[in-house]
Amino acid sequence: MKLNPHISVDCVIFGFDGEKLKILLLKRNISEDGNPVSSVDYKLPGNFISDEEDLNTAANRVLKDLTGLENIYLKQFKVFGKPDRVSKEKDLKWLHDTTGLPIRRVVTVAYYSLIEINRSKIELTGNNKAEWVSIEEARELAFDHNDILNAGLSTLRTKLQFEPVGMELLPEKFTLRQLQTLYEIILSRKLDNRNFRKKVLKVNYLTAMNEKEKDVAHKPAQLYSFNKELYLNNFIQFEGFQF
């Protein structure tokens, strides 16, 4: 597979562990002064596209290689092409060391993906030196990846209020409390319990199951599931969760 060294895809892969919003990052080894590994930092998952694939195919390839998952939520949201986005000496050297090419400029197309963390295959993320890191801990990423991350998070916050994309981050069965916690973490603010429940319960694609939580210290809560097919068939009727 021949790669195009000037066009890449980068993926902001969001996950939710029930308490924190996380992203999947790759550990990058930086060599300096002849030492094999002088320092370590992190970057977003990404790669150059090949001459034989389109952008979406490349993004899906990156996602599958890291998580083992296919056919999951993946959306393109922005292109990053400033002439100086690859200007740090350590970034230029890393590109040269990993490709063997004197790359000075790369245009990247950014995607964001939503994954229920427990679905990602631990052996794959481990083999690829990938780690789930909370948003707050994702500081000083390689290249302009902090800009890409912030733009992806802003896109997710907007999308969350007009489409039920948050369901993609939850397990198959979840409580309304878990759903509200997810919304509060992504939107970075507290939501009124009564108002939240009133809005989410009026949609017909949230199904109350004949089950409750198990093995919890508090009173077991009702479990719900997201009927994605029903939602897609009635998309035009969705009014949004504007809290």
Foldseek 3Di string as FASTA:
>chain_A
DAFDLAEKAFEFEWADPLAFIWTKWAKDFFDDPPRPGDDIFIATQMDTHHPPDDHVVRVQVSVCQQFVDHDFDKDWDDKDFDQCLQPDPRSQVSSCVVPVDNDRGHIYTYMYTAAQVVNGDPVSNVVRRMDIDGPVPRPDHPRVRVVSNVSVLVVCLVVVFQDVPVLRNDPQKDAVVSVQSSNCNSNVHHDDPVLSCVLVVVDPQKAFDPDWDPDDPDDTGTIIGGNVVVCVVVVVPGPGRDD
